[in-house]
Structures are given as C-alpha cells and as structure tokens.
Amino acid sequence: MQNWNDGHMDDGWGIAMMLTMLGIWVVLIAAIVFAIVWSVRATTTSEGASTLPPATSVPGLGSATRSAEQILAERLARGDIDAEEYRTRLDALTPPNQP
C-alpha cells in the first residue's frame, strides 16, 4: 500500500486533472446561469409596454404627444381604463389652444 498511485500524481497530472475539473464546473455553472437568465427574459412581459419607438423629436412635442395618445388609446382598447378616464387623460395630454 506504500505506492498506491504508481506515482502518476507526482508529475503534474494531479494539477492538470484538478484544473480540468474546475474548468468543467465553471462552464457548467455558467451554462446554468445563462439558461436561467435567458428563460426569465424570454418569459417576462412588461405590462403595458408599447411596441412604438420612443419619441425623440422634442421641439414641438408633437410626436411625443401622439405616442402618448396612442398608448392611451391602446389602454382603452385593452380595457385598462374606461371612456371617462380616457377623455380626462386625453384632455390633460393635449395642450390648450393659445390665441
């Protein structure tokens, strides 16, 4: 029982096997984390998110108001708000006419 490993671990193979197993575990854990993150992102939906691009033109706020009105109309169509709340919020979005 004196020479039970025949000296195979003395010439660097022990370190190589240890580093290989460590590498395998790191890759396995990284793959599991990636799969969890990917599946959570794929199944998560943001409530009320619009598919319209964000309004970028600021000068007259025209496109920003239109996209806000479209979002409001979508909420009415989904039934999130009733017609009275739609009119109230639409009035708040539209700027008053200036003489």
N, C-alpha and C. Protein backbone atom coordinates (compact mmCIF):
# COMPACT_ATOMS: atom_id res chain seq x y z
N MET A 1 0.83 -1.18 0.00
CA MET A 1 0.00 0.00 0.00
C MET A 1 0.87 1.24 0.00
N GLN A 2 2.14 1.05 -0.03
CA GLN A 2 3.06 2.15 0.02
C GLN A 2 3.03 2.99 -1.26
N ASN A 3 2.93 2.41 -2.40
CA ASN A 3 2.95 3.11 -3.67
C ASN A 3 1.61 2.90 -4.38
N TRP A 4 0.54 3.36 -3.81
CA TRP A 4 -0.81 3.02 -4.29
C TRP A 4 -1.20 3.73 -5.58
N ASN A 5 -0.58 4.88 -5.90
CA ASN A 5 -0.96 5.58 -7.13
C ASN A 5 0.09 5.44 -8.22
N ASP A 6 1.04 4.64 -8.04
CA ASP A 6 2.12 4.37 -9.00
C ASP A 6 2.83 5.64 -9.44
N GLY A 7 2.77 6.72 -8.70
CA GLY A 7 3.50 7.93 -8.99
C GLY A 7 2.87 8.81 -10.06
N HIS A 8 1.65 8.52 -10.48
CA HIS A 8 1.01 9.31 -11.52
C HIS A 8 0.67 10.72 -11.08
N MET A 9 0.47 10.94 -9.82
CA MET A 9 0.09 12.27 -9.34
C MET A 9 1.30 13.15 -9.07
N ASP A 10 2.47 12.60 -9.14
CA ASP A 10 3.67 13.36 -8.80
C ASP A 10 4.21 14.18 -9.97
N ASP A 11 3.85 13.86 -11.19
CA ASP A 11 4.45 14.53 -12.33
C ASP A 11 3.54 15.58 -12.98
N GLY A 12 2.62 16.16 -12.25
CA GLY A 12 1.79 17.25 -12.76
C GLY A 12 0.41 16.84 -13.21
N TRP A 13 0.15 15.56 -13.32
CA TRP A 13 -1.17 15.13 -13.76
C TRP A 13 -2.24 15.44 -12.72
N GLY A 14 -1.88 15.45 -11.48
CA GLY A 14 -2.85 15.78 -10.42
C GLY A 14 -3.34 17.21 -10.55
N ILE A 15 -2.43 18.13 -10.83
CA ILE A 15 -2.80 19.53 -11.01
C ILE A 15 -3.62 19.70 -12.28
N ALA A 16 -3.22 18.99 -13.35
CA ALA A 16 -3.97 19.08 -14.61
C ALA A 16 -5.39 18.57 -14.44
N MET A 17 -5.56 17.46 -13.74
CA MET A 17 -6.90 16.91 -13.51
C MET A 17 -7.73 17.85 -12.65
N MET A 18 -7.11 18.44 -11.65
CA MET A 18 -7.82 19.36 -10.77
C MET A 18 -8.28 20.60 -11.55
N LEU A 19 -7.40 21.17 -12.38
CA LEU A 19 -7.77 22.35 -13.17
C LEU A 19 -8.83 22.01 -14.22
N THR A 20 -8.75 20.81 -14.79
CA THR A 20 -9.76 20.39 -15.76
C THR A 20 -11.13 20.29 -15.10
N MET A 21 -11.19 19.68 -13.94
CA MET A 21 -12.47 19.56 -13.24
C MET A 21 -12.99 20.93 -12.82
N LEU A 22 -12.11 21.81 -12.40
CA LEU A 22 -12.52 23.17 -12.05
C LEU A 22 -13.10 23.88 -13.27
N GLY A 23 -12.44 23.72 -14.42
CA GLY A 23 -12.93 24.32 -15.66
C GLY A 23 -14.28 23.77 -16.06
N ILE A 24 -14.47 22.47 -15.93
CA ILE A 24 -15.75 21.86 -16.26
C ILE A 24 -16.86 22.42 -15.37
N TRP A 25 -16.59 22.55 -14.07
CA TRP A 25 -17.60 23.09 -13.16
C TRP A 25 -17.92 24.55 -13.47
N VAL A 26 -16.91 25.34 -13.82
CA VAL A 26 -17.15 26.75 -14.16
C VAL A 26 -18.02 26.85 -15.40
N VAL A 27 -17.72 26.06 -16.42
CA VAL A 27 -18.52 26.08 -17.65
C VAL A 27 -19.94 25.60 -17.37
N LEU A 28 -20.10 24.56 -16.57
CA LEU A 28 -21.42 24.04 -16.24
C LEU A 28 -22.25 25.07 -15.48
N ILE A 29 -21.66 25.72 -14.49
CA ILE A 29 -22.38 26.74 -13.72
C ILE A 29 -22.73 27.94 -14.60
N ALA A 30 -21.80 28.36 -15.46
CA ALA A 30 -22.08 29.47 -16.37
C ALA A 30 -23.22 29.13 -17.33
N ALA A 31 -23.27 27.90 -17.82
CA ALA A 31 -24.35 27.48 -18.72
C ALA A 31 -25.69 27.48 -18.00
N ILE A 32 -25.71 27.04 -16.75
CA ILE A 32 -26.96 27.03 -15.99
C ILE A 32 -27.43 28.46 -15.74
N VAL A 33 -26.53 29.35 -15.35
CA VAL A 33 -26.89 30.75 -15.11
C VAL A 33 -27.40 31.38 -16.41
N PHE A 34 -26.73 31.13 -17.52
CA PHE A 34 -27.17 31.66 -18.81
C PHE A 34 -28.56 31.16 -19.16
N ALA A 35 -28.82 29.88 -18.96
CA ALA A 35 -30.13 29.31 -19.28
C ALA A 35 -31.23 29.93 -18.42
N ILE A 36 -30.94 30.15 -17.15
CA ILE A 36 -31.94 30.76 -16.26
C ILE A 36 -32.22 32.19 -16.67
N VAL A 37 -31.18 32.97 -16.92
CA VAL A 37 -31.36 34.37 -17.32
C VAL A 37 -32.10 34.45 -18.65
N TRP A 38 -31.75 33.62 -19.59
CA TRP A 38 -32.40 33.63 -20.90
C TRP A 38 -33.87 33.26 -20.79
N SER A 39 -34.18 32.24 -19.99
CA SER A 39 -35.58 31.83 -19.88
C SER A 39 -36.41 32.87 -19.14
N VAL A 40 -35.83 33.55 -18.15
CA VAL A 40 -36.58 34.59 -17.44
C VAL A 40 -36.84 35.76 -18.37
N ARG A 41 -35.85 36.16 -19.14
CA ARG A 41 -36.05 37.28 -20.07
C ARG A 41 -37.03 36.92 -21.18
N ALA A 42 -37.04 35.68 -21.61
CA ALA A 42 -37.92 35.26 -22.70
C ALA A 42 -39.37 35.18 -22.24
N THR A 43 -39.60 34.86 -20.97
CA THR A 43 -40.97 34.69 -20.49
C THR A 43 -41.52 35.93 -19.81
N THR A 44 -40.68 36.89 -19.46
CA THR A 44 -41.15 38.08 -18.78
C THR A 44 -41.73 39.06 -19.79
N THR A 45 -42.92 39.54 -19.49
CA THR A 45 -43.52 40.58 -20.33
C THR A 45 -43.69 41.82 -19.48
N SER A 46 -43.40 42.95 -20.07
CA SER A 46 -43.60 44.20 -19.34
C SER A 46 -45.03 44.65 -19.56
N GLU A 47 -45.74 44.87 -18.48
CA GLU A 47 -47.15 45.24 -18.53
C GLU A 47 -47.32 46.61 -19.13
N GLY A 48 -48.10 46.69 -20.17
CA GLY A 48 -48.42 47.98 -20.77
C GLY A 48 -47.32 48.56 -21.63
N ALA A 49 -46.34 47.78 -21.98
CA ALA A 49 -45.25 48.31 -22.79
C ALA A 49 -45.73 48.51 -24.22
N SER A 50 -45.34 49.58 -24.80
CA SER A 50 -45.74 49.88 -26.17
C SER A 50 -44.68 49.36 -27.12
N THR A 51 -45.11 48.95 -28.31
CA THR A 51 -44.16 48.49 -29.30
C THR A 51 -43.67 49.65 -30.15
N LEU A 52 -44.15 50.86 -29.88
CA LEU A 52 -43.72 52.03 -30.64
C LEU A 52 -42.34 52.47 -30.19
N PRO A 53 -41.53 52.99 -31.09
CA PRO A 53 -40.23 53.50 -30.66
C PRO A 53 -40.42 54.74 -29.81
N PRO A 54 -39.48 55.03 -28.92
CA PRO A 54 -39.63 56.22 -28.08
C PRO A 54 -39.58 57.48 -28.92
N ALA A 55 -40.36 58.47 -28.50
CA ALA A 55 -40.40 59.74 -29.22
C ALA A 55 -39.08 60.48 -29.00
N THR A 56 -38.45 60.88 -30.08
CA THR A 56 -37.16 61.53 -29.95
C THR A 56 -37.21 63.00 -30.34
N SER A 57 -38.21 63.40 -31.10
CA SER A 57 -38.26 64.80 -31.51
C SER A 57 -38.95 65.61 -30.43
N VAL A 58 -38.24 66.57 -29.86
CA VAL A 58 -38.74 67.35 -28.74
C VAL A 58 -39.25 68.73 -29.14
N PRO A 59 -38.87 69.34 -30.26
CA PRO A 59 -39.18 70.74 -30.50
C PRO A 59 -40.62 71.13 -30.21
N GLY A 60 -41.60 70.46 -30.81
CA GLY A 60 -42.98 70.85 -30.55
C GLY A 60 -43.72 69.84 -29.70
N LEU A 61 -43.04 68.80 -29.25
CA LEU A 61 -43.64 67.70 -28.51
C LEU A 61 -44.75 67.03 -29.30
N GLY A 62 -44.77 67.23 -30.60
CA GLY A 62 -45.82 66.66 -31.42
C GLY A 62 -45.80 65.15 -31.42
N SER A 63 -44.64 64.56 -31.70
CA SER A 63 -44.58 63.10 -31.77
C SER A 63 -44.71 62.47 -30.39
N ALA A 64 -44.20 63.15 -29.37
CA ALA A 64 -44.34 62.61 -28.01
C ALA A 64 -45.80 62.59 -27.60
N THR A 65 -46.55 63.64 -27.96
CA THR A 65 -47.97 63.68 -27.62
C THR A 65 -48.72 62.62 -28.40
N ARG A 66 -48.39 62.43 -29.67
CA ARG A 66 -49.07 61.42 -30.46
C ARG A 66 -48.80 60.04 -29.91
N SER A 67 -47.58 59.75 -29.52
CA SER A 67 -47.31 58.42 -28.99
C SER A 67 -47.99 58.24 -27.64
N ALA A 68 -48.09 59.27 -26.84
CA ALA A 68 -48.81 59.17 -25.57
C ALA A 68 -50.29 58.95 -25.83
N GLU A 69 -50.83 59.61 -26.86
CA GLU A 69 -52.24 59.40 -27.20
C GLU A 69 -52.47 57.99 -27.71
N GLN A 70 -51.52 57.45 -28.46
CA GLN A 70 -51.66 56.08 -28.95
C GLN A 70 -51.62 55.09 -27.80
N ILE A 71 -50.74 55.32 -26.84
CA ILE A 71 -50.66 54.45 -25.68
C ILE A 71 -51.96 54.51 -24.89
N LEU A 72 -52.50 55.72 -24.75
CA LEU A 72 -53.76 55.89 -24.04
C LEU A 72 -54.89 55.16 -24.77
N ALA A 73 -54.91 55.26 -26.10
CA ALA A 73 -55.93 54.56 -26.89
C ALA A 73 -55.78 53.05 -26.75
N GLU A 74 -54.54 52.56 -26.70
CA GLU A 74 -54.32 51.12 -26.52
C GLU A 74 -54.84 50.66 -25.16
N ARG A 75 -54.62 51.48 -24.13
CA ARG A 75 -55.11 51.12 -22.80
C ARG A 75 -56.63 51.08 -22.76
N LEU A 76 -57.26 51.99 -23.49
CA LEU A 76 -58.72 51.98 -23.58
C LEU A 76 -59.19 50.72 -24.32
N ALA A 77 -58.50 50.37 -25.40
CA ALA A 77 -58.88 49.19 -26.17
C ALA A 77 -58.69 47.91 -25.37
N ARG A 78 -57.68 47.85 -24.53
CA ARG A 78 -57.46 46.66 -23.70
C ARG A 78 -58.44 46.60 -22.54
N GLY A 79 -59.07 47.73 -22.21
CA GLY A 79 -59.99 47.74 -21.08
C GLY A 79 -59.32 48.12 -19.77
N ASP A 80 -58.10 48.64 -19.82
CA ASP A 80 -57.42 49.06 -18.60
C ASP A 80 -58.09 50.29 -17.99
N ILE A 81 -58.62 51.16 -18.85
CA ILE A 81 -59.30 52.36 -18.39
C ILE A 81 -60.65 52.46 -19.08
N ASP A 82 -61.58 53.22 -18.48
CA ASP A 82 -62.89 53.39 -19.11
C ASP A 82 -62.88 54.67 -19.96
N ALA A 83 -64.00 54.91 -20.64
CA ALA A 83 -64.07 56.04 -21.58
C ALA A 83 -63.94 57.38 -20.87
N GLU A 84 -64.49 57.49 -19.68
CA GLU A 84 -64.40 58.76 -18.94
C GLU A 84 -62.96 59.06 -18.55
N GLU A 85 -62.26 58.06 -18.06
CA GLU A 85 -60.86 58.27 -17.69
C GLU A 85 -60.02 58.55 -18.94
N TYR A 86 -60.37 57.90 -20.08
CA TYR A 86 -59.68 58.17 -21.33
C TYR A 86 -59.82 59.63 -21.73
N ARG A 87 -61.05 60.17 -21.66
CA ARG A 87 -61.27 61.58 -22.04
C ARG A 87 -60.52 62.52 -21.08
N THR A 88 -60.54 62.21 -19.80
CA THR A 88 -59.86 63.05 -18.81
C THR A 88 -58.36 63.08 -19.08
N ARG A 89 -57.78 61.93 -19.31
CA ARG A 89 -56.34 61.87 -19.55
C ARG A 89 -55.97 62.46 -20.91
N LEU A 90 -56.83 62.31 -21.89
CA LEU A 90 -56.59 62.89 -23.20
C LEU A 90 -56.61 64.40 -23.11
N ASP A 91 -57.55 64.96 -22.33
CA ASP A 91 -57.60 66.42 -22.13
C ASP A 91 -56.32 66.91 -21.45
N ALA A 92 -55.80 66.11 -20.53
CA ALA A 92 -54.56 66.51 -19.83
C ALA A 92 -53.36 66.45 -20.78
N LEU A 93 -53.41 65.58 -21.77
CA LEU A 93 -52.30 65.47 -22.71
C LEU A 93 -52.29 66.55 -23.76
N THR A 94 -53.44 66.98 -24.20
CA THR A 94 -53.49 67.96 -25.29
C THR A 94 -53.26 69.36 -24.73
N PRO A 95 -52.36 70.10 -25.34
CA PRO A 95 -52.09 71.47 -24.84
C PRO A 95 -53.26 72.38 -25.17
N PRO A 96 -53.51 73.38 -24.32
CA PRO A 96 -54.60 74.31 -24.60
C PRO A 96 -54.26 75.18 -25.81
N ASN A 97 -55.29 75.52 -26.58
CA ASN A 97 -55.09 76.37 -27.75
C ASN A 97 -54.80 77.78 -27.30
N GLN A 98 -53.71 78.33 -27.79
CA GLN A 98 -53.35 79.68 -27.43
C GLN A 98 -53.75 80.63 -28.56
N PRO A 99 -54.36 81.80 -28.20
CA PRO A 99 -54.79 82.73 -29.25
C PRO A 99 -53.63 83.40 -29.93
